[in-house]
Amino acid sequence: DGALPIASMFDWGFDASLGYFVVRCLQPYLRG
């Protein structure tokens, strides 16, 4: 409806996770 401070924009990103069942019922993990 009014003026905007930008005409376009670009962004990027990622996510990752790592998990391992050390025994059948226990899973430690890392993520970011």
Full PDB file with SEQRES, HELIX, SHEET, SSBOND, CRYST1, ORIGX, SCALE, CONECT and MASTER records, all heavy atoms in Angstrom:
SEQRES   1 A   32  ASP GLY ALA LEU PRO ILE ALA SER MET PHE ASP TRP GLY          
SEQRES   2 A   32  PHE ASP ALA SER LEU GLY TYR PHE VAL VAL ARG CYS LEU          
SEQRES   3 A   32  GLN PRO TYR LEU ARG GLY                                      
SHEET    1 AA1 2 SER A  17  GLY A  19  0                                        
SHEET    2 AA1 2 TYR A  29  ARG A  31 -1                                        
CRYST1    1.000    1.000    1.000  90.00  90.00  90.00 P 1           1          
ORIGX1      1.000000  0.000000  0.000000        0.00000                         
ORIGX2      0.000000  1.000000  0.000000        0.00000                         
ORIGX3      0.000000  0.000000  1.000000        0.00000                         
SCALE1      1.000000  0.000000  0.000000        0.00000                         
SCALE2      0.000000  1.000000  0.000000        0.00000                         
SCALE3      0.000000  0.000000  1.000000        0.00000                         
ATOM      1  N   ASP A   1       0.811  -1.222   0.000  1.00  0.00           N  
ATOM      2  CA  ASP A   1       0.000   0.000   0.000  1.00  0.00           C  
ATOM      3  C   ASP A   1       0.845   1.273   0.000  1.00  0.00           C  
ATOM      4  O   ASP A   1       0.335   2.349  -0.265  1.00  0.00           O  
ATOM      5  CB  ASP A   1      -0.913   0.029   1.227  1.00  0.00           C  
ATOM      6  CG  ASP A   1      -1.964  -1.060   1.166  1.00  0.00           C  
ATOM      7  OD1 ASP A   1      -2.228  -1.577   0.074  1.00  0.00           O  
ATOM      8  OD2 ASP A   1      -2.511  -1.395   2.231  1.00  0.00           O  
ATOM      9  N   GLY A   2       2.123   1.121   0.357  1.00  0.00           N  
ATOM     10  CA  GLY A   2       3.004   2.285   0.421  1.00  0.00           C  
ATOM     11  C   GLY A   2       4.393   1.928  -0.079  1.00  0.00           C  
ATOM     12  O   GLY A   2       4.619   0.853  -0.630  1.00  0.00           O  
ATOM     13  N   ALA A   3       5.325   2.856   0.137  1.00  0.00           N  
ATOM     14  CA  ALA A   3       6.713   2.647  -0.299  1.00  0.00           C  
ATOM     15  C   ALA A   3       7.367   1.542   0.530  1.00  0.00           C  
ATOM     16  O   ALA A   3       7.094   1.405   1.722  1.00  0.00           O  
ATOM     17  CB  ALA A   3       7.491   3.937  -0.168  1.00  0.00           C  
ATOM     18  N   LEU A   4       8.216   0.774  -0.115  1.00  0.00           N  
ATOM     19  CA  LEU A   4       8.971  -0.281   0.554  1.00  0.00           C  
ATOM     20  C   LEU A   4      10.453   0.074   0.570  1.00  0.00           C  
ATOM     21  O   LEU A   4      10.939   0.691  -0.379  1.00  0.00           O  
ATOM     22  CB  LEU A   4       8.771  -1.623  -0.159  1.00  0.00           C  
ATOM     23  CG  LEU A   4       7.365  -2.204  -0.142  1.00  0.00           C  
ATOM     24  CD1 LEU A   4       7.289  -3.434  -1.038  1.00  0.00           C  
ATOM     25  CD2 LEU A   4       6.973  -2.562   1.279  1.00  0.00           C  
ATOM     26  N   PRO A   5      11.187  -0.333   1.611  1.00  0.00           N  
ATOM     27  CA  PRO A   5      12.607   0.014   1.680  1.00  0.00           C  
ATOM     28  C   PRO A   5      13.489  -0.788   0.733  1.00  0.00           C  
ATOM     29  O   PRO A   5      14.639  -0.437   0.510  1.00  0.00           O  
ATOM     30  CB  PRO A   5      12.980  -0.275   3.135  1.00  0.00           C  
ATOM     31  CG  PRO A   5      12.000  -1.314   3.572  1.00  0.00           C  
ATOM     32  CD  PRO A   5      10.737  -1.024   2.823  1.00  0.00           C  
ATOM     33  N   ILE A   6      12.974  -1.889   0.179  1.00  0.00           N  
ATOM     34  CA  ILE A   6      13.754  -2.709  -0.747  1.00  0.00           C  
ATOM     35  C   ILE A   6      12.874  -3.134  -1.923  1.00  0.00           C  
ATOM     36  O   ILE A   6      11.659  -3.212  -1.807  1.00  0.00           O  
ATOM     37  CB  ILE A   6      14.324  -3.971  -0.059  1.00  0.00           C  
ATOM     38  CG1 ILE A   6      13.196  -4.833   0.530  1.00  0.00           C  
ATOM     39  CG2 ILE A   6      15.330  -3.613   1.023  1.00  0.00           C  
ATOM     40  CD1 ILE A   6      13.639  -6.167   1.089  1.00  0.00           C  
ATOM     41  N   ALA A   7      13.502  -3.392  -3.062  1.00  0.00           N  
ATOM     42  CA  ALA A   7      12.774  -3.852  -4.243  1.00  0.00           C  
ATOM     43  C   ALA A   7      12.871  -5.370  -4.389  1.00  0.00           C  
ATOM     44  O   ALA A   7      12.032  -5.994  -5.029  1.00  0.00           O  
ATOM     45  CB  ALA A   7      13.330  -3.186  -5.493  1.00  0.00           C  
ATOM     46  N   SER A   8      13.911  -5.953  -3.796  1.00  0.00           N  
ATOM     47  CA  SER A   8      14.082  -7.395  -3.845  1.00  0.00           C  
ATOM     48  C   SER A   8      15.002  -7.822  -2.708  1.00  0.00           C  
ATOM     49  O   SER A   8      15.642  -6.979  -2.072  1.00  0.00           O  
ATOM     50  CB  SER A   8      14.679  -7.840  -5.184  1.00  0.00           C  
ATOM     51  OG  SER A   8      15.978  -7.341  -5.323  1.00  0.00           O  
ATOM     52  N   MET A   9      15.048  -9.116  -2.465  1.00  0.00           N  
ATOM     53  CA  MET A   9      15.973  -9.616  -1.449  1.00  0.00           C  
ATOM     54  C   MET A   9      16.335 -11.062  -1.758  1.00  0.00           C  
ATOM     55  O   MET A   9      15.612 -11.778  -2.452  1.00  0.00           O  
ATOM     56  CB  MET A   9      15.399  -9.506  -0.047  1.00  0.00           C  
ATOM     57  CG  MET A   9      14.184 -10.355   0.233  1.00  0.00           C  
ATOM     58  SD  MET A   9      13.623 -10.236   1.933  1.00  0.00           S  
ATOM     59  CE  MET A   9      14.600 -11.497   2.703  1.00  0.00           C  
ATOM     60  N   PHE A  10      17.483 -11.460  -1.244  1.00  0.00           N  
ATOM     61  CA  PHE A  10      17.998 -12.811  -1.402  1.00  0.00           C  
ATOM     62  C   PHE A  10      18.432 -13.304  -0.037  1.00  0.00           C  
ATOM     63  O   PHE A  10      19.069 -12.571   0.717  1.00  0.00           O  
ATOM     64  CB  PHE A  10      19.190 -12.807  -2.376  1.00  0.00           C  
ATOM     65  CG  PHE A  10      19.962 -14.094  -2.386  1.00  0.00           C  
ATOM     66  CD1 PHE A  10      19.460 -15.212  -3.026  1.00  0.00           C  
ATOM     67  CD2 PHE A  10      21.189 -14.178  -1.750  1.00  0.00           C  
ATOM     68  CE1 PHE A  10      20.176 -16.403  -3.041  1.00  0.00           C  
ATOM     69  CE2 PHE A  10      21.909 -15.365  -1.758  1.00  0.00           C  
ATOM     70  CZ  PHE A  10      21.400 -16.474  -2.405  1.00  0.00           C  
ATOM     71  N   ASP A  11      18.066 -14.522   0.307  1.00  0.00           N  
ATOM     72  CA  ASP A  11      18.595 -15.130   1.517  1.00  0.00           C  
ATOM     73  C   ASP A  11      18.893 -16.598   1.251  1.00  0.00           C  
ATOM     74  O   ASP A  11      18.483 -17.158   0.240  1.00  0.00           O  
ATOM     75  CB  ASP A  11      17.686 -14.936   2.733  1.00  0.00           C  
ATOM     76  CG  ASP A  11      16.290 -15.491   2.568  1.00  0.00           C  
ATOM     77  OD1 ASP A  11      16.032 -16.227   1.605  1.00  0.00           O  
ATOM     78  OD2 ASP A  11      15.443 -15.189   3.413  1.00  0.00           O  
ATOM     79  N   TRP A  12      19.661 -17.190   2.143  1.00  0.00           N  
ATOM     80  CA  TRP A  12      20.029 -18.591   2.004  1.00  0.00           C  
ATOM     81  C   TRP A  12      20.189 -19.194   3.394  1.00  0.00           C  
ATOM     82  O   TRP A  12      20.307 -18.475   4.385  1.00  0.00           O  
ATOM     83  CB  TRP A  12      21.307 -18.764   1.180  1.00  0.00           C  
ATOM     84  CG  TRP A  12      22.519 -18.113   1.790  1.00  0.00           C  
ATOM     85  CD1 TRP A  12      22.941 -16.827   1.604  1.00  0.00           C  
ATOM     86  CD2 TRP A  12      23.448 -18.712   2.690  1.00  0.00           C  
ATOM     87  NE1 TRP A  12      24.068 -16.587   2.340  1.00  0.00           N  
ATOM     88  CE2 TRP A  12      24.412 -17.729   3.019  1.00  0.00           C  
ATOM     89  CE3 TRP A  12      23.569 -19.969   3.256  1.00  0.00           C  
ATOM     90  CZ2 TRP A  12      25.470 -17.978   3.873  1.00  0.00           C  
ATOM     91  CZ3 TRP A  12      24.628 -20.217   4.120  1.00  0.00           C  
ATOM     92  CH2 TRP A  12      25.568 -19.227   4.411  1.00  0.00           C  
ATOM     93  N   GLY A  13      20.174 -20.509   3.446  1.00  0.00           N  
ATOM     94  CA  GLY A  13      20.343 -21.162   4.728  1.00  0.00           C  
ATOM     95  C   GLY A  13      20.514 -22.653   4.580  1.00  0.00           C  
ATOM     96  O   GLY A  13      20.463 -23.209   3.482  1.00  0.00           O  
ATOM     97  N   PHE A  14      20.746 -23.298   5.731  1.00  0.00           N  
ATOM     98  CA  PHE A  14      20.883 -24.745   5.746  1.00  0.00           C  
ATOM     99  C   PHE A  14      20.515 -25.275   7.126  1.00  0.00           C  
ATOM    100  O   PHE A  14      20.466 -24.527   8.106  1.00  0.00           O  
ATOM    101  CB  PHE A  14      22.310 -25.184   5.387  1.00  0.00           C  
ATOM    102  CG  PHE A  14      23.305 -24.941   6.496  1.00  0.00           C  
ATOM    103  CD1 PHE A  14      23.546 -25.923   7.456  1.00  0.00           C  
ATOM    104  CD2 PHE A  14      23.986 -23.744   6.581  1.00  0.00           C  
ATOM    105  CE1 PHE A  14      24.444 -25.701   8.486  1.00  0.00           C  
ATOM    106  CE2 PHE A  14      24.884 -23.514   7.601  1.00  0.00           C  
ATOM    107  CZ  PHE A  14      25.114 -24.499   8.556  1.00  0.00           C  
ATOM    108  N   ASP A  15      20.240 -26.544   7.177  1.00  0.00           N  
ATOM    109  CA  ASP A  15      20.140 -27.233   8.458  1.00  0.00           C  
ATOM    110  C   ASP A  15      20.735 -28.614   8.284  1.00  0.00           C  
ATOM    111  O   ASP A  15      20.778 -29.159   7.178  1.00  0.00           O  
ATOM    112  CB  ASP A  15      18.702 -27.297   8.986  1.00  0.00           C  
ATOM    113  CG  ASP A  15      17.802 -28.192   8.185  1.00  0.00           C  
ATOM    114  OD1 ASP A  15      17.898 -29.426   8.344  1.00  0.00           O  
ATOM    115  OD2 ASP A  15      17.000 -27.675   7.398  1.00  0.00           O  
ATOM    116  N   ALA A  16      21.218 -29.172   9.385  1.00  0.00           N  
ATOM    117  CA  ALA A  16      21.825 -30.498   9.363  1.00  0.00           C  
ATOM    118  C   ALA A  16      21.590 -31.166  10.709  1.00  0.00           C  
ATOM    119  O   ALA A  16      21.502 -30.500  11.742  1.00  0.00           O  
ATOM    120  CB  ALA A  16      23.320 -30.393   9.076  1.00  0.00           C  
ATOM    121  N   SER A  17      21.476 -32.480  10.681  1.00  0.00           N  
ATOM    122  CA  SER A  17      21.341 -33.238  11.918  1.00  0.00           C  
ATOM    123  C   SER A  17      22.058 -34.578  11.770  1.00  0.00           C  
ATOM    124  O   SER A  17      22.165 -35.135  10.683  1.00  0.00           O  
ATOM    125  CB  SER A  17      19.876 -33.472  12.273  1.00  0.00           C  
ATOM    126  OG  SER A  17      19.238 -34.255  11.302  1.00  0.00           O  
ATOM    127  N   LEU A  18      22.555 -35.055  12.901  1.00  0.00           N  
ATOM    128  CA  LEU A  18      23.264 -36.322  12.958  1.00  0.00           C  
ATOM    129  C   LEU A  18      22.808 -37.055  14.209  1.00  0.00           C  
ATOM    130  O   LEU A  18      22.839 -36.479  15.311  1.00  0.00           O  
ATOM    131  CB  LEU A  18      24.773 -36.088  13.006  1.00  0.00           C  
ATOM    132  CG  LEU A  18      25.661 -37.313  13.205  1.00  0.00           C  
ATOM    133  CD1 LEU A  18      25.597 -38.219  11.988  1.00  0.00           C  
ATOM    134  CD2 LEU A  18      27.094 -36.868  13.471  1.00  0.00           C  
ATOM    135  N   GLY A  19      22.331 -38.278  14.057  1.00  0.00           N  
ATOM    136  CA  GLY A  19      21.885 -39.070  15.201  1.00  0.00           C  
ATOM    137  C   GLY A  19      22.331 -40.513  15.058  1.00  0.00           C  
ATOM    138  O   GLY A  19      22.528 -41.015  13.947  1.00  0.00           O  
ATOM    139  N   TYR A  20      22.495 -41.168  16.203  1.00  0.00           N  
ATOM    140  CA  TYR A  20      22.940 -42.552  16.188  1.00  0.00           C  
ATOM    141  C   TYR A  20      22.358 -43.280  17.394  1.00  0.00           C  
ATOM    142  O   TYR A  20      22.454 -42.795  18.517  1.00  0.00           O  
ATOM    143  CB  TYR A  20      24.472 -42.614  16.231  1.00  0.00           C  
ATOM    144  CG  TYR A  20      25.020 -44.009  16.214  1.00  0.00           C  
ATOM    145  CD1 TYR A  20      24.996 -44.766  15.044  1.00  0.00           C  
ATOM    146  CD2 TYR A  20      25.562 -44.577  17.351  1.00  0.00           C  
ATOM    147  CE1 TYR A  20      25.493 -46.049  15.015  1.00  0.00           C  
ATOM    148  CE2 TYR A  20      26.067 -45.872  17.332  1.00  0.00           C  
ATOM    149  CZ  TYR A  20      26.031 -46.598  16.165  1.00  0.00           C  
ATOM    150  OH  TYR A  20      26.523 -47.871  16.137  1.00  0.00           O  
ATOM    151  N   PHE A  21      21.735 -44.422  17.157  1.00  0.00           N  
ATOM    152  CA  PHE A  21      21.221 -45.237  18.256  1.00  0.00           C  
ATOM    153  C   PHE A  21      22.391 -46.013  18.861  1.00  0.00           C  
ATOM    154  O   PHE A  21      22.877 -46.971  18.262  1.00  0.00           O  
ATOM    155  CB  PHE A  21      20.123 -46.184  17.775  1.00  0.00           C  
ATOM    156  CG  PHE A  21      18.778 -45.543  17.708  1.00  0.00           C  
ATOM    157  CD1 PHE A  21      18.317 -44.990  16.531  1.00  0.00           C  
ATOM    158  CD2 PHE A  21      17.980 -45.476  18.847  1.00  0.00           C  
ATOM    159  CE1 PHE A  21      17.082 -44.383  16.470  1.00  0.00           C  
ATOM    160  CE2 PHE A  21      16.739 -44.866  18.795  1.00  0.00           C  
ATOM    161  CZ  PHE A  21      16.290 -44.320  17.610  1.00  0.00           C  
ATOM    162  N   VAL A  22      22.851 -45.588  20.028  1.00  0.00           N  
ATOM    163  CA  VAL A  22      23.965 -46.278  20.686  1.00  0.00           C  
ATOM    164  C   VAL A  22      23.509 -47.615  21.263  1.00  0.00           C  
ATOM    165  O   VAL A  22      24.291 -48.547  21.364  1.00  0.00           O  
ATOM    166  CB  VAL A  22      24.618 -45.410  21.778  1.00  0.00           C  
ATOM    167  CG1 VAL A  22      25.307 -44.210  21.171  1.00  0.00           C  
ATOM    168  CG2 VAL A  22      23.608 -44.970  22.821  1.00  0.00           C  
ATOM    169  N   VAL A  23      22.262 -47.690  21.669  1.00  0.00           N  
ATOM    170  CA  VAL A  23      21.571 -48.936  22.006  1.00  0.00           C  
ATOM    171  C   VAL A  23      20.188 -48.813  21.383  1.00  0.00           C  
ATOM    172  O   VAL A  23      19.793 -47.740  20.946  1.00  0.00           O  
ATOM    173  CB  VAL A  23      21.471 -49.192  23.541  1.00  0.00           C  
ATOM    174  CG1 VAL A  23      22.847 -49.447  24.137  1.00  0.00           C  
ATOM    175  CG2 VAL A  23      20.778 -48.073  24.251  1.00  0.00           C  
ATOM    176  N   ARG A  24      19.434 -49.882  21.382  1.00  0.00           N  
ATOM    177  CA  ARG A  24      18.149 -49.911  20.662  1.00  0.00           C  
ATOM    178  C   ARG A  24      17.198 -48.784  21.054  1.00  0.00           C  
ATOM    179  O   ARG A  24      16.410 -48.310  20.245  1.00  0.00           O  
ATOM    180  CB  ARG A  24      17.489 -51.260  20.889  1.00  0.00           C  
ATOM    181  CG  ARG A  24      16.216 -51.448  20.131  1.00  0.00           C  
ATOM    182  CD  ARG A  24      15.735 -52.885  20.246  1.00  0.00           C  
ATOM    183  NE  ARG A  24      14.420 -53.047  19.697  1.00  0.00           N  
ATOM    184  CZ  ARG A  24      14.165 -53.303  18.419  1.00  0.00           C  
ATOM    185  NH1 ARG A  24      15.160 -53.427  17.570  1.00  0.00           N  
ATOM    186  NH2 ARG A  24      12.933 -53.436  17.992  1.00  0.00           N  
ATOM    187  N   CYS A  25      17.254 -48.287  22.297  1.00  0.00           N  
ATOM    188  CA  CYS A  25      16.259 -47.308  22.754  1.00  0.00           C  
ATOM    189  C   CYS A  25      16.841 -45.934  23.096  1.00  0.00           C  
ATOM    190  O   CYS A  25      16.140 -45.093  23.634  1.00  0.00           O  
ATOM    191  CB  CYS A  25      15.501 -47.866  23.954  1.00  0.00           C  
ATOM    192  SG  CYS A  25      16.551 -48.178  25.372  1.00  0.00           S  
ATOM    193  N   LEU A  26      18.111 -45.676  22.788  1.00  0.00           N  
ATOM    194  CA  LEU A  26      18.738 -44.399  23.141  1.00  0.00           C  
ATOM    195  C   LEU A  26      19.473 -43.804  21.941  1.00  0.00           C  
ATOM    196  O   LEU A  26      20.372 -44.434  21.383  1.00  0.00           O  
ATOM    197  CB  LEU A  26      19.721 -44.584  24.300  1.00  0.00           C  
ATOM    198  CG  LEU A  26      20.434 -43.325  24.778  1.00  0.00           C  
ATOM    199  CD1 LEU A  26      19.434 -42.316  25.355  1.00  0.00           C  
ATOM    200  CD2 LEU A  26      21.488 -43.679  25.814  1.00  0.00           C  
ATOM    201  N   GLN A  27      19.055 -42.579  21.564  1.00  0.00           N  
ATOM    202  CA  GLN A  27      19.649 -41.912  20.407  1.00  0.00           C  
ATOM    203  C   GLN A  27      20.175 -40.531  20.799  1.00  0.00           C  
ATOM    204  O   GLN A  27      19.394 -39.592  20.968  1.00  0.00           O  
ATOM    205  CB  GLN A  27      18.624 -41.740  19.289  1.00  0.00           C  
ATOM    206  CG  GLN A  27      19.173 -40.988  18.098  1.00  0.00           C  
ATOM    207  CD  GLN A  27      18.109 -40.571  17.111  1.00  0.00           C  
ATOM    208  OE1 GLN A  27      16.966 -40.338  17.479  1.00  0.00           O  
ATOM    209  NE2 GLN A  27      18.483 -40.471  15.857  1.00  0.00           N  
ATOM    210  N   PRO A  28      21.488 -40.350  20.940  1.00  0.00           N  
ATOM    211  CA  PRO A  28      22.028 -39.000  21.062  1.00  0.00           C  
ATOM    212  C   PRO A  28      22.076 -38.355  19.668  1.00  0.00           C  
ATOM    213  O   PRO A  28      22.144 -39.054  18.649  1.00  0.00           O  
ATOM    214  CB  PRO A  28      23.434 -39.213  21.624  1.00  0.00           C  
ATOM    215  CG  PRO A  28      23.777 -40.612  21.311  1.00  0.00           C  
ATOM    216  CD  PRO A  28      22.489 -41.375  21.127  1.00  0.00           C  
ATOM    217  N   TYR A  29      22.017 -37.022  19.628  1.00  0.00           N  
ATOM    218  CA  TYR A  29      22.038 -36.351  18.332  1.00  0.00           C  
ATOM    219  C   TYR A  29      22.666 -34.962  18.445  1.00  0.00           C  
ATOM    220  O   TYR A  29      22.754 -34.377  19.523  1.00  0.00           O  
ATOM    221  CB  TYR A  29      20.637 -36.243  17.727  1.00  0.00           C  
ATOM    222  CG  TYR A  29      19.662 -35.449  18.566  1.00  0.00           C  
ATOM    223  CD1 TYR A  29      19.597 -34.063  18.474  1.00  0.00           C  
ATOM    224  CD2 TYR A  29      18.806 -36.079  19.465  1.00  0.00           C  
ATOM    225  CE1 TYR A  29      18.713 -33.339  19.245  1.00  0.00           C  
ATOM    226  CE2 TYR A  29      17.918 -35.368  20.229  1.00  0.00           C  
ATOM    227  CZ  TYR A  29      17.875 -33.999  20.117  1.00  0.00           C  
ATOM    228  OH  TYR A  29      17.002 -33.279  20.891  1.00  0.00           O  
ATOM    229  N   LEU A  30      23.064 -34.460  17.311  1.00  0.00           N  
ATOM    230  CA  LEU A  30      23.547 -33.092  17.128  1.00  0.00           C  
ATOM    231  C   LEU A  30      22.749 -32.497  15.985  1.00  0.00           C  
ATOM    232  O   LEU A  30      22.418 -33.194  15.020  1.00  0.00           O  
ATOM    233  CB  LEU A  30      25.034 -33.066  16.764  1.00  0.00           C  
ATOM    234  CG  LEU A  30      26.005 -33.668  17.769  1.00  0.00           C  
ATOM    235  CD1 LEU A  30      27.384 -33.778  17.137  1.00  0.00           C  
ATOM    236  CD2 LEU A  30      26.053 -32.813  19.023  1.00  0.00           C  
ATOM    237  N   ARG A  31      22.449 -31.218  16.064  1.00  0.00           N  
ATOM    238  CA  ARG A  31      21.774 -30.552  14.948  1.00  0.00           C  
ATOM    239  C   ARG A  31      22.164 -29.084  14.932  1.00  0.00           C  
ATOM    240  O   ARG A  31      22.592 -28.527  15.938  1.00  0.00           O  
ATOM    241  CB  ARG A  31      20.266 -30.715  15.016  1.00  0.00           C  
ATOM    242  CG  ARG A  31      19.612 -30.075  16.197  1.00  0.00           C  
ATOM    243  CD  ARG A  31      18.099 -30.335  16.191  1.00  0.00           C  
ATOM    244  NE  ARG A  31      17.487 -29.793  17.372  1.00  0.00           N  
ATOM    245  CZ  ARG A  31      17.149 -28.529  17.544  1.00  0.00           C  
ATOM    246  NH1 ARG A  31      17.376 -27.659  16.572  1.00  0.00           N  
ATOM    247  NH2 ARG A  31      16.594 -28.120  18.659  1.00  0.00           N  
ATOM    248  N   GLY A  32      21.999 -28.454  13.781  1.00  0.00           N  
ATOM    249  CA  GLY A  32      22.294 -27.042  13.664  1.00  0.00           C  
ATOM    250  C   GLY A  32      21.638 -26.462  12.428  1.00  0.00           C  
ATOM    251  O   GLY A  32      21.240 -27.195  11.519  1.00  0.00           O  
TER     252      GLY A  32                                                      
MASTER        0    0    0    0    2    0    0    6  251    1    0    3          
END                                                                             
